[in-house]
């Protein structure tokens, strides 16, 4: 059986951008991968993101999403750290 890869665009904002060392990148994952798989892959590639994994919110195609969502070819996933405001 051949594993099919999908590509997703990943955007990092604020502290997540600092931790990743980039504001955006493209990541290849196996077909059927979930947001949680992307979070794990990003944490492995950018260890600074691991510390934020419990507080970061994720948006898929501009819609806040849980880690169980299945990703599809061409999706855009944004890492949104908490924002302080007044």
N, C-alpha and C. Protein backbone atom coordinates (compact mmCIF):
# COMPACT_ATOMS: atom_id res chain seq x y z
N UNK A 1 0.84 -1.18 0.00
CA UNK A 1 0.00 0.00 0.00
C UNK A 1 0.88 1.24 0.00
N UNK A 2 0.57 2.17 -0.86
CA UNK A 2 1.35 3.39 -0.99
C UNK A 2 0.73 4.48 -0.11
N UNK A 3 1.58 5.13 0.66
CA UNK A 3 1.11 6.23 1.51
C UNK A 3 1.05 7.51 0.69
N UNK A 4 -0.10 8.16 0.71
CA UNK A 4 -0.28 9.39 -0.02
C UNK A 4 0.04 10.56 0.91
N UNK A 5 0.79 11.51 0.42
CA UNK A 5 1.14 12.68 1.23
C UNK A 5 0.25 13.86 0.85
N UNK A 6 -0.06 14.66 1.84
CA UNK A 6 -0.76 15.92 1.61
C UNK A 6 0.16 17.04 2.06
N UNK A 7 -0.06 18.22 1.53
CA UNK A 7 0.72 19.40 1.94
C UNK A 7 -0.25 20.40 2.56
N UNK A 8 0.17 20.95 3.70
CA UNK A 8 -0.61 21.99 4.33
C UNK A 8 0.30 23.18 4.60
N UNK A 9 -0.29 24.35 4.54
CA UNK A 9 0.44 25.58 4.84
C UNK A 9 0.25 25.86 6.33
N UNK A 10 1.33 26.19 7.01
CA UNK A 10 1.28 26.45 8.45
C UNK A 10 1.71 27.89 8.69
N UNK A 11 0.89 28.62 9.44
CA UNK A 11 1.19 30.00 9.81
C UNK A 11 1.42 30.07 11.31
N UNK A 12 2.47 30.77 11.71
CA UNK A 12 2.79 30.94 13.13
C UNK A 12 2.69 32.42 13.46
N UNK A 13 1.97 32.73 14.54
CA UNK A 13 1.78 34.12 14.95
C UNK A 13 2.38 34.37 16.33
N UNK A 14 2.83 35.62 16.55
CA UNK A 14 3.31 36.10 17.85
C UNK A 14 4.38 35.17 18.43
N UNK A 15 4.17 34.68 19.66
CA UNK A 15 5.18 33.85 20.32
C UNK A 15 5.43 32.55 19.55
N UNK A 16 4.44 32.04 18.86
CA UNK A 16 4.63 30.82 18.07
C UNK A 16 5.62 31.09 16.92
N UNK A 17 5.53 32.27 16.33
CA UNK A 17 6.48 32.64 15.26
C UNK A 17 7.89 32.71 15.82
N UNK A 18 8.04 33.30 17.00
CA UNK A 18 9.35 33.37 17.62
C UNK A 18 9.89 31.98 17.93
N UNK A 19 9.03 31.10 18.46
CA UNK A 19 9.45 29.75 18.82
C UNK A 19 9.83 28.92 17.59
N UNK A 20 9.10 29.12 16.50
CA UNK A 20 9.35 28.35 15.27
C UNK A 20 10.50 28.94 14.46
N UNK A 21 10.77 30.22 14.66
CA UNK A 21 11.82 30.87 13.89
C UNK A 21 11.38 31.21 12.48
N UNK A 22 10.08 31.15 12.22
CA UNK A 22 9.53 31.48 10.91
C UNK A 22 8.05 31.85 11.07
N UNK A 23 7.54 32.59 10.13
CA UNK A 23 6.13 32.95 10.18
C UNK A 23 5.24 31.99 9.40
N UNK A 24 5.87 31.23 8.48
CA UNK A 24 5.07 30.29 7.69
C UNK A 24 5.98 29.23 7.10
N UNK A 25 5.37 28.09 6.81
CA UNK A 25 6.07 27.00 6.15
C UNK A 25 5.05 26.04 5.57
N UNK A 26 5.52 25.16 4.71
CA UNK A 26 4.66 24.12 4.16
C UNK A 26 5.12 22.79 4.75
N UNK A 27 4.17 21.98 5.19
CA UNK A 27 4.48 20.71 5.84
C UNK A 27 3.79 19.59 5.08
N UNK A 28 4.51 18.50 4.87
CA UNK A 28 3.94 17.30 4.24
C UNK A 28 3.57 16.31 5.33
N UNK A 29 2.37 15.76 5.24
CA UNK A 29 1.86 14.77 6.20
C UNK A 29 1.22 13.63 5.43
N UNK A 30 1.02 12.52 6.09
CA UNK A 30 0.32 11.40 5.48
C UNK A 30 -1.16 11.73 5.34
N UNK A 31 -1.78 11.24 4.28
CA UNK A 31 -3.21 11.42 4.10
C UNK A 31 -3.93 10.87 5.32
N UNK A 32 -4.94 11.57 5.80
CA UNK A 32 -5.68 11.15 6.99
C UNK A 32 -5.12 11.72 8.28
N UNK A 33 -4.03 12.50 8.17
CA UNK A 33 -3.45 13.11 9.37
C UNK A 33 -4.41 14.11 9.98
N UNK A 34 -4.33 14.23 11.28
CA UNK A 34 -5.16 15.15 12.04
C UNK A 34 -4.33 16.36 12.47
N UNK A 35 -5.02 17.36 12.96
CA UNK A 35 -4.34 18.55 13.47
C UNK A 35 -3.33 18.15 14.54
N UNK A 36 -3.67 17.19 15.38
CA UNK A 36 -2.74 16.74 16.42
C UNK A 36 -1.44 16.19 15.83
N UNK A 37 -1.51 15.56 14.66
CA UNK A 37 -0.30 15.06 14.00
C UNK A 37 0.57 16.22 13.53
N UNK A 38 -0.07 17.27 13.04
CA UNK A 38 0.67 18.46 12.63
C UNK A 38 1.32 19.12 13.83
N UNK A 39 0.60 19.22 14.94
CA UNK A 39 1.15 19.82 16.15
C UNK A 39 2.39 19.04 16.60
N UNK A 40 2.30 17.72 16.58
CA UNK A 40 3.43 16.88 16.97
C UNK A 40 4.62 17.08 16.02
N UNK A 41 4.36 17.12 14.71
CA UNK A 41 5.42 17.31 13.73
C UNK A 41 6.06 18.68 13.89
N UNK A 42 5.25 19.70 14.12
CA UNK A 42 5.78 21.05 14.30
C UNK A 42 6.62 21.15 15.58
N UNK A 43 6.15 20.49 16.64
CA UNK A 43 6.90 20.49 17.89
C UNK A 43 8.23 19.78 17.76
N UNK A 44 8.26 18.74 16.95
CA UNK A 44 9.50 18.01 16.72
C UNK A 44 10.48 18.86 15.90
N UNK A 45 9.95 19.54 14.89
CA UNK A 45 10.79 20.38 14.03
C UNK A 45 11.23 21.66 14.73
N UNK A 46 10.38 22.17 15.62
CA UNK A 46 10.64 23.43 16.33
C UNK A 46 10.39 23.19 17.82
N UNK A 47 11.38 22.68 18.56
CA UNK A 47 11.18 22.31 19.96
C UNK A 47 10.59 23.42 20.84
N UNK A 48 10.81 24.67 20.49
CA UNK A 48 10.26 25.77 21.28
C UNK A 48 8.74 25.79 21.28
N UNK A 49 8.12 25.18 20.30
CA UNK A 49 6.66 25.13 20.23
C UNK A 49 6.07 24.16 21.23
N UNK A 50 6.85 23.17 21.67
CA UNK A 50 6.33 22.16 22.59
C UNK A 50 5.82 22.78 23.88
N UNK A 51 6.49 23.81 24.37
CA UNK A 51 6.08 24.46 25.61
C UNK A 51 4.74 25.16 25.46
N UNK A 52 4.34 25.49 24.26
CA UNK A 52 3.09 26.21 24.03
C UNK A 52 1.93 25.29 23.69
N UNK A 53 2.17 24.01 23.54
CA UNK A 53 1.14 23.12 23.01
C UNK A 53 -0.16 23.12 23.80
N UNK A 54 -0.10 23.42 25.09
CA UNK A 54 -1.32 23.42 25.90
C UNK A 54 -2.11 24.73 25.83
N UNK A 55 -1.46 25.80 25.40
CA UNK A 55 -2.14 27.09 25.40
C UNK A 55 -2.43 27.64 24.01
N UNK A 56 -1.80 27.06 23.00
CA UNK A 56 -2.01 27.57 21.65
C UNK A 56 -3.38 27.12 21.13
N UNK A 57 -4.05 28.00 20.40
CA UNK A 57 -5.29 27.64 19.71
C UNK A 57 -4.92 27.44 18.25
N UNK A 58 -5.69 26.61 17.59
CA UNK A 58 -5.41 26.28 16.20
C UNK A 58 -6.60 26.63 15.33
N UNK A 59 -6.32 27.17 14.18
CA UNK A 59 -7.38 27.48 13.22
C UNK A 59 -7.04 26.79 11.90
N UNK A 60 -8.02 26.12 11.34
CA UNK A 60 -7.87 25.49 10.03
C UNK A 60 -8.74 26.27 9.06
N UNK A 61 -8.10 26.82 8.04
CA UNK A 61 -8.81 27.63 7.04
C UNK A 61 -9.63 28.73 7.72
N UNK A 62 -9.00 29.42 8.67
CA UNK A 62 -9.57 30.58 9.38
C UNK A 62 -10.72 30.21 10.32
N UNK A 63 -10.86 28.94 10.66
CA UNK A 63 -11.91 28.50 11.58
C UNK A 63 -11.26 27.77 12.75
N UNK A 64 -11.47 28.27 13.99
CA UNK A 64 -10.89 27.63 15.16
C UNK A 64 -11.29 26.16 15.16
N UNK A 65 -10.31 25.29 15.41
CA UNK A 65 -10.53 23.87 15.26
C UNK A 65 -9.87 23.09 16.38
N UNK A 66 -10.39 21.91 16.65
CA UNK A 66 -9.79 21.01 17.62
C UNK A 66 -8.71 20.17 16.97
N UNK A 67 -7.94 19.49 17.80
CA UNK A 67 -6.83 18.69 17.29
C UNK A 67 -7.27 17.40 16.60
N UNK A 68 -8.54 17.04 16.69
CA UNK A 68 -9.03 15.83 16.05
C UNK A 68 -9.43 16.00 14.60
N UNK A 69 -9.47 17.21 14.13
CA UNK A 69 -9.89 17.47 12.75
C UNK A 69 -8.92 16.85 11.75
N UNK A 70 -9.46 16.18 10.74
CA UNK A 70 -8.63 15.59 9.69
C UNK A 70 -8.26 16.69 8.70
N UNK A 71 -6.98 16.74 8.35
CA UNK A 71 -6.49 17.74 7.42
C UNK A 71 -6.59 17.24 6.00
N UNK A 72 -6.74 18.19 5.08
CA UNK A 72 -6.83 17.86 3.66
C UNK A 72 -5.79 18.66 2.89
N UNK A 73 -5.46 18.17 1.71
CA UNK A 73 -4.51 18.84 0.84
C UNK A 73 -4.88 20.31 0.69
N UNK A 74 -3.88 21.18 0.89
CA UNK A 74 -4.09 22.62 0.69
C UNK A 74 -4.65 23.37 1.88
N UNK A 75 -4.96 22.69 2.98
CA UNK A 75 -5.46 23.40 4.18
C UNK A 75 -4.39 24.38 4.69
N UNK A 76 -4.85 25.42 5.35
CA UNK A 76 -3.97 26.36 6.03
C UNK A 76 -4.28 26.27 7.52
N UNK A 77 -3.23 25.99 8.30
CA UNK A 77 -3.37 25.86 9.75
C UNK A 77 -2.59 26.97 10.42
N UNK A 78 -3.26 27.71 11.31
CA UNK A 78 -2.61 28.81 12.03
C UNK A 78 -2.46 28.45 13.50
N UNK A 79 -1.26 28.69 14.03
CA UNK A 79 -0.99 28.55 15.47
C UNK A 79 -1.22 29.92 16.08
N UNK A 80 -2.20 30.00 16.97
CA UNK A 80 -2.61 31.27 17.58
C UNK A 80 -2.35 31.23 19.08
N UNK A 81 -1.24 31.79 19.55
CA UNK A 81 -0.98 31.82 20.98
C UNK A 81 -1.95 32.75 21.69
N UNK A 82 -2.08 32.62 23.01
CA UNK A 82 -2.97 33.52 23.74
C UNK A 82 -2.51 34.96 23.59
N UNK A 83 -3.47 35.85 23.60
CA UNK A 83 -3.19 37.26 23.43
C UNK A 83 -3.58 37.99 24.70
N UNK A 84 -2.69 38.81 25.20
CA UNK A 84 -3.01 39.64 26.37
C UNK A 84 -3.54 40.97 25.86
N UNK A 85 -4.50 41.49 26.55
CA UNK A 85 -5.06 42.78 26.11
C UNK A 85 -5.62 43.53 27.28
N UNK A 86 -6.00 44.74 27.00
CA UNK A 86 -6.49 45.53 28.10
C UNK A 86 -7.69 46.34 27.75
